Amino acid sequence: MEIRMADRIWTIPVNNMRLEVLAFNEFVADLNLKFLDYLVVAMLHTVEFRVVVLHGDNDSERLYNWF
């Protein structure tokens, strides 16, 4: 599975319909989520996932310095 956000791509292996935990944890760590932040995840027909992180306190998109 590929997760895309801006120009970054994370590849998360899936075995028997289960995500590989270490790779997924790396993806979550890269996002550096704060309390009340949340993810909007969209799965495209190409089995590609697009992600947007929103601030939980004001519902604005969180921008990263690697955009």
N, C-alpha and C. Protein backbone atom coordinates (compact mmCIF):
# COMPACT_ATOMS: atom_id res chain seq x y z
N MET A 1 0.84 -1.15 0.00
CA MET A 1 0.00 0.00 0.00
C MET A 1 0.89 1.22 0.00
N GLU A 2 0.53 2.23 -0.78
CA GLU A 2 1.25 3.49 -0.81
C GLU A 2 0.39 4.58 -0.20
N ILE A 3 0.99 5.36 0.69
CA ILE A 3 0.32 6.51 1.27
C ILE A 3 1.06 7.74 0.77
N ARG A 4 0.33 8.66 0.16
CA ARG A 4 0.94 9.87 -0.39
C ARG A 4 0.43 11.10 0.33
N MET A 5 1.39 12.00 0.59
CA MET A 5 1.05 13.28 1.19
C MET A 5 2.04 14.29 0.64
N ALA A 6 1.53 15.23 -0.14
CA ALA A 6 2.37 16.18 -0.85
C ALA A 6 3.35 15.40 -1.73
N ASP A 7 4.65 15.63 -1.59
CA ASP A 7 5.62 14.92 -2.41
C ASP A 7 6.26 13.74 -1.68
N ARG A 8 5.71 13.36 -0.53
CA ARG A 8 6.24 12.21 0.24
C ARG A 8 5.41 10.97 -0.05
N ILE A 9 6.07 9.85 -0.07
CA ILE A 9 5.39 8.56 -0.28
C ILE A 9 5.91 7.58 0.76
N TRP A 10 4.98 6.94 1.46
CA TRP A 10 5.32 5.87 2.40
C TRP A 10 4.77 4.58 1.83
N THR A 11 5.58 3.54 1.80
CA THR A 11 5.13 2.22 1.36
C THR A 11 4.95 1.36 2.59
N ILE A 12 3.71 0.90 2.79
CA ILE A 12 3.37 0.09 3.95
C ILE A 12 3.02 -1.31 3.45
N PRO A 13 3.84 -2.31 3.75
CA PRO A 13 3.53 -3.67 3.31
C PRO A 13 2.24 -4.19 3.97
N VAL A 14 1.47 -4.94 3.21
CA VAL A 14 0.25 -5.56 3.71
C VAL A 14 0.38 -7.06 3.49
N ASN A 15 0.25 -7.81 4.57
CA ASN A 15 0.31 -9.27 4.50
C ASN A 15 -0.97 -9.85 5.08
N ASN A 16 -1.68 -10.65 4.30
CA ASN A 16 -2.93 -11.25 4.75
C ASN A 16 -3.89 -10.21 5.31
N MET A 17 -4.05 -9.10 4.59
CA MET A 17 -4.98 -8.03 4.96
C MET A 17 -4.59 -7.32 6.26
N ARG A 18 -3.32 -7.41 6.66
CA ARG A 18 -2.85 -6.73 7.87
C ARG A 18 -1.67 -5.83 7.52
N LEU A 19 -1.70 -4.62 8.07
CA LEU A 19 -0.60 -3.69 7.84
C LEU A 19 0.62 -4.12 8.64
N GLU A 20 1.79 -3.88 8.08
CA GLU A 20 3.02 -4.11 8.84
C GLU A 20 3.17 -2.97 9.84
N VAL A 21 3.13 -3.30 11.11
CA VAL A 21 3.06 -2.31 12.18
C VAL A 21 4.27 -1.38 12.21
N LEU A 22 5.46 -1.89 12.05
CA LEU A 22 6.65 -1.04 12.13
C LEU A 22 6.66 0.04 11.04
N ALA A 23 6.29 -0.34 9.83
CA ALA A 23 6.25 0.63 8.73
C ALA A 23 5.16 1.67 8.95
N PHE A 24 3.99 1.22 9.45
CA PHE A 24 2.90 2.16 9.72
C PHE A 24 3.28 3.11 10.86
N ASN A 25 3.95 2.61 11.88
CA ASN A 25 4.39 3.46 12.98
C ASN A 25 5.39 4.51 12.51
N GLU A 26 6.22 4.16 11.55
CA GLU A 26 7.16 5.13 10.97
C GLU A 26 6.40 6.26 10.28
N PHE A 27 5.35 5.91 9.54
CA PHE A 27 4.51 6.90 8.88
C PHE A 27 3.88 7.85 9.91
N VAL A 28 3.31 7.29 10.97
CA VAL A 28 2.66 8.10 12.00
C VAL A 28 3.69 8.98 12.72
N ALA A 29 4.87 8.46 12.98
CA ALA A 29 5.92 9.24 13.64
C ALA A 29 6.35 10.43 12.77
N ASP A 30 6.42 10.22 11.46
CA ASP A 30 6.79 11.32 10.55
C ASP A 30 5.78 12.46 10.60
N LEU A 31 4.52 12.14 10.88
CA LEU A 31 3.49 13.18 10.92
C LEU A 31 3.54 14.02 12.19
N ASN A 32 4.16 13.48 13.25
CA ASN A 32 4.31 14.22 14.50
C ASN A 32 2.97 14.80 14.95
N LEU A 33 1.98 13.94 15.08
CA LEU A 33 0.63 14.38 15.44
C LEU A 33 0.59 14.93 16.85
N LYS A 34 -0.20 15.96 17.04
CA LYS A 34 -0.42 16.58 18.34
C LYS A 34 -1.79 16.15 18.86
N PHE A 35 -2.03 16.39 20.13
CA PHE A 35 -3.32 16.07 20.74
C PHE A 35 -4.43 16.79 19.97
N LEU A 36 -5.47 16.09 19.60
CA LEU A 36 -6.64 16.55 18.86
C LEU A 36 -6.42 16.66 17.35
N ASP A 37 -5.19 16.50 16.84
CA ASP A 37 -5.00 16.45 15.39
C ASP A 37 -5.69 15.20 14.85
N TYR A 38 -6.11 15.26 13.62
CA TYR A 38 -6.70 14.07 13.02
C TYR A 38 -6.36 13.99 11.54
N LEU A 39 -6.48 12.78 11.01
CA LEU A 39 -6.15 12.49 9.61
C LEU A 39 -7.42 12.35 8.80
N VAL A 40 -7.38 12.86 7.58
CA VAL A 40 -8.41 12.59 6.60
C VAL A 40 -7.73 11.71 5.56
N VAL A 41 -8.25 10.51 5.39
CA VAL A 41 -7.64 9.54 4.48
C VAL A 41 -8.62 9.24 3.35
N ALA A 42 -8.15 9.36 2.11
CA ALA A 42 -8.97 9.03 0.95
C ALA A 42 -8.28 7.92 0.18
N MET A 43 -9.02 6.86 -0.12
CA MET A 43 -8.47 5.77 -0.93
C MET A 43 -8.96 5.94 -2.36
N LEU A 44 -8.03 6.05 -3.28
CA LEU A 44 -8.36 6.20 -4.69
C LEU A 44 -8.56 4.83 -5.33
N HIS A 45 -9.16 4.82 -6.50
CA HIS A 45 -9.42 3.54 -7.17
C HIS A 45 -8.15 2.79 -7.54
N THR A 46 -7.01 3.46 -7.49
CA THR A 46 -5.73 2.82 -7.80
C THR A 46 -5.10 2.20 -6.55
N VAL A 47 -5.85 2.10 -5.47
CA VAL A 47 -5.39 1.61 -4.18
C VAL A 47 -4.24 2.48 -3.66
N GLU A 48 -4.37 3.75 -3.94
CA GLU A 48 -3.43 4.75 -3.44
C GLU A 48 -4.17 5.56 -2.39
N PHE A 49 -3.50 5.87 -1.30
CA PHE A 49 -4.11 6.61 -0.22
C PHE A 49 -3.55 8.02 -0.17
N ARG A 50 -4.43 9.00 -0.07
CA ARG A 50 -4.03 10.40 0.10
C ARG A 50 -4.39 10.82 1.51
N VAL A 51 -3.52 11.59 2.15
CA VAL A 51 -3.70 11.95 3.56
C VAL A 51 -3.60 13.46 3.73
N VAL A 52 -4.48 14.00 4.57
CA VAL A 52 -4.42 15.40 5.00
C VAL A 52 -4.50 15.38 6.52
N VAL A 53 -3.63 16.15 7.18
CA VAL A 53 -3.66 16.27 8.64
C VAL A 53 -4.31 17.60 8.98
N LEU A 54 -5.28 17.55 9.88
CA LEU A 54 -5.98 18.76 10.31
C LEU A 54 -5.72 19.01 11.79
N HIS A 55 -5.58 20.30 12.14
CA HIS A 55 -5.47 20.68 13.55
C HIS A 55 -6.82 20.44 14.20
N GLY A 56 -6.82 19.78 15.33
CA GLY A 56 -8.07 19.50 16.02
C GLY A 56 -8.69 20.71 16.67
N ASP A 57 -7.88 21.72 17.00
CA ASP A 57 -8.43 22.88 17.72
C ASP A 57 -9.06 23.92 16.80
N ASN A 58 -8.65 23.97 15.51
CA ASN A 58 -9.25 24.97 14.62
C ASN A 58 -9.60 24.43 13.24
N ASP A 59 -9.48 23.13 13.04
CA ASP A 59 -9.85 22.45 11.79
C ASP A 59 -9.17 23.00 10.54
N SER A 60 -7.97 23.54 10.68
CA SER A 60 -7.21 23.99 9.52
C SER A 60 -6.18 22.92 9.16
N GLU A 61 -5.78 22.92 7.90
CA GLU A 61 -4.80 21.92 7.45
C GLU A 61 -3.45 22.21 8.07
N ARG A 62 -2.82 21.15 8.53
CA ARG A 62 -1.49 21.28 9.10
C ARG A 62 -0.47 21.17 7.97
N LEU A 63 0.40 22.16 7.86
CA LEU A 63 1.42 22.17 6.82
C LEU A 63 2.76 21.78 7.42
N TYR A 64 3.50 21.01 6.69
CA TYR A 64 4.81 20.52 7.14
C TYR A 64 5.90 21.22 6.36
N ASN A 65 7.09 21.32 6.94
CA ASN A 65 8.18 22.00 6.24
C ASN A 65 8.71 21.20 5.06
N TRP A 66 8.29 19.94 4.90
CA TRP A 66 8.73 19.15 3.75
C TRP A 66 7.72 19.19 2.61
N PHE A 67 6.72 20.10 2.67
CA PHE A 67 5.79 20.26 1.55
C PHE A 67 6.49 20.92 0.41
